[in-house]
Amino acid sequence: MSMENWIRTMAGSFVLISTGLGYFHHKYWLFFTAFVGLNLLQSAFTKFCLMENILEKLGIAKRTDT
């Protein structure tokens, strides 16, 4: 999987999990959902993504040629 696919998978998972926790456990979990959304928004403008840096350190390749 490419770096972009990993980032989309992680962001989608974080949103779904935190929305579920916000609904079933405590509403403050929705702040995490908002954090993920704001991070995605700022990365569109600044080209900086913390998850990309984390995945890079874990050895995930930026691009895969298919």
C-alpha atoms as a PDB file:
ATOM      1  CA  MET A   1       0.000   0.000   0.000  1.00  0.00           C
ATOM      2  CA  SER A   2       1.241   3.502  -0.742  1.00  0.00           C
ATOM      3  CA  MET A   3       1.788   6.218   1.855  1.00  0.00           C
ATOM      4  CA  GLU A   4      -1.336   8.057   0.671  1.00  0.00           C
ATOM      5  CA  ASN A   5      -3.463   4.938   1.128  1.00  0.00           C
ATOM      6  CA  TRP A   6      -2.070   4.384   4.616  1.00  0.00           C
ATOM      7  CA  ILE A   7      -2.855   7.975   5.601  1.00  0.00           C
ATOM      8  CA  ARG A   8      -6.417   7.731   4.280  1.00  0.00           C
ATOM      9  CA  THR A   9      -6.908   4.421   6.066  1.00  0.00           C
ATOM     10  CA  MET A  10      -5.632   5.803   9.375  1.00  0.00           C
ATOM     11  CA  ALA A  11      -7.649   9.034   9.120  1.00  0.00           C
ATOM     12  CA  GLY A  12     -10.844   7.175   8.253  1.00  0.00           C
ATOM     13  CA  SER A  13     -10.309   4.706  11.074  1.00  0.00           C
ATOM     14  CA  PHE A  14      -9.642   7.475  13.594  1.00  0.00           C
ATOM     15  CA  VAL A  15     -12.795   9.320  12.540  1.00  0.00           C
ATOM     16  CA  LEU A  16     -15.000   6.226  12.730  1.00  0.00           C
ATOM     17  CA  ILE A  17     -13.580   5.034  16.054  1.00  0.00           C
ATOM     18  CA  SER A  18     -13.744   8.434  17.734  1.00  0.00           C
ATOM     19  CA  THR A  19     -17.271   9.059  16.437  1.00  0.00           C
ATOM     20  CA  GLY A  20     -18.359   5.716  17.878  1.00  0.00           C
ATOM     21  CA  LEU A  21     -16.666   6.473  21.186  1.00  0.00           C
ATOM     22  CA  GLY A  22     -18.321   9.891  21.209  1.00  0.00           C
ATOM     23  CA  TYR A  23     -21.720   8.339  20.691  1.00  0.00           C
ATOM     24  CA  PHE A  24     -21.410   5.352  23.037  1.00  0.00           C
ATOM     25  CA  HIS A  25     -18.921   6.507  25.680  1.00  0.00           C
ATOM     26  CA  HIS A  26     -18.470  10.275  26.093  1.00  0.00           C
ATOM     27  CA  LYS A  27     -19.119  13.267  23.864  1.00  0.00           C
ATOM     28  CA  TYR A  28     -15.620  14.661  24.427  1.00  0.00           C
ATOM     29  CA  TRP A  29     -14.273  12.001  22.059  1.00  0.00           C
ATOM     30  CA  LEU A  30     -15.729  14.139  19.269  1.00  0.00           C
ATOM     31  CA  PHE A  31     -12.890  16.604  19.882  1.00  0.00           C
ATOM     32  CA  PHE A  32     -10.541  13.926  18.535  1.00  0.00           C
ATOM     33  CA  THR A  33     -12.727  13.658  15.423  1.00  0.00           C
ATOM     34  CA  ALA A  34     -12.456  17.429  14.990  1.00  0.00           C
ATOM     35  CA  PHE A  35      -8.680  17.248  15.486  1.00  0.00           C
ATOM     36  CA  VAL A  36      -8.329  14.684  12.699  1.00  0.00           C
ATOM     37  CA  GLY A  37     -10.483  16.791  10.388  1.00  0.00           C
ATOM     38  CA  LEU A  38      -8.516  19.966  11.127  1.00  0.00           C
ATOM     39  CA  ASN A  39      -5.246  18.122  10.582  1.00  0.00           C
ATOM     40  CA  LEU A  40      -6.454  16.903   7.182  1.00  0.00           C
ATOM     41  CA  LEU A  41      -7.537  20.428   6.284  1.00  0.00           C
ATOM     42  CA  GLN A  42      -4.269  22.094   7.298  1.00  0.00           C
ATOM     43  CA  SER A  43      -2.221  19.428   5.509  1.00  0.00           C
ATOM     44  CA  ALA A  44      -4.010  20.300   2.264  1.00  0.00           C
ATOM     45  CA  PHE A  45      -2.675  23.866   2.500  1.00  0.00           C
ATOM     46  CA  THR A  46       0.691  23.445   4.231  1.00  0.00           C
ATOM     47  CA  LYS A  47       1.726  20.065   2.748  1.00  0.00           C
ATOM     48  CA  PHE A  48       2.760  18.976   6.275  1.00  0.00           C
ATOM     49  CA  CYS A  49       1.256  15.780   7.662  1.00  0.00           C
ATOM     50  CA  LEU A  50       2.378  14.388  11.002  1.00  0.00           C
ATOM     51  CA  MET A  51       1.047  10.914  10.143  1.00  0.00           C
ATOM     52  CA  GLU A  52       3.211  10.924   7.007  1.00  0.00           C
ATOM     53  CA  ASN A  53       6.302  11.600   9.140  1.00  0.00           C
ATOM     54  CA  ILE A  54       5.338   8.826  11.574  1.00  0.00           C
ATOM     55  CA  LEU A  55       4.733   6.296   8.790  1.00  0.00           C
ATOM     56  CA  GLU A  56       7.989   7.295   7.101  1.00  0.00           C
ATOM     57  CA  LYS A  57       9.906   6.538  10.314  1.00  0.00           C
ATOM     58  CA  LEU A  58       8.134   3.155  10.436  1.00  0.00           C
ATOM     59  CA  GLY A  59       9.498   2.350   6.982  1.00  0.00           C
ATOM     60  CA  ILE A  60       6.442   2.886   4.810  1.00  0.00           C
ATOM     61  CA  ALA A  61       7.485   3.960   1.310  1.00  0.00           C
ATOM     62  CA  LYS A  62       6.158   7.285   0.023  1.00  0.00           C
ATOM     63  CA  ARG A  63       5.228   5.928  -3.415  1.00  0.00           C
ATOM     64  CA  THR A  64       4.911   2.508  -4.919  1.00  0.00           C
ATOM     65  CA  ASP A  65       5.252   2.124  -8.668  1.00  0.00           C
ATOM     66  CA  THR A  66       2.658  -0.240 -10.100  1.00  0.00           C
END
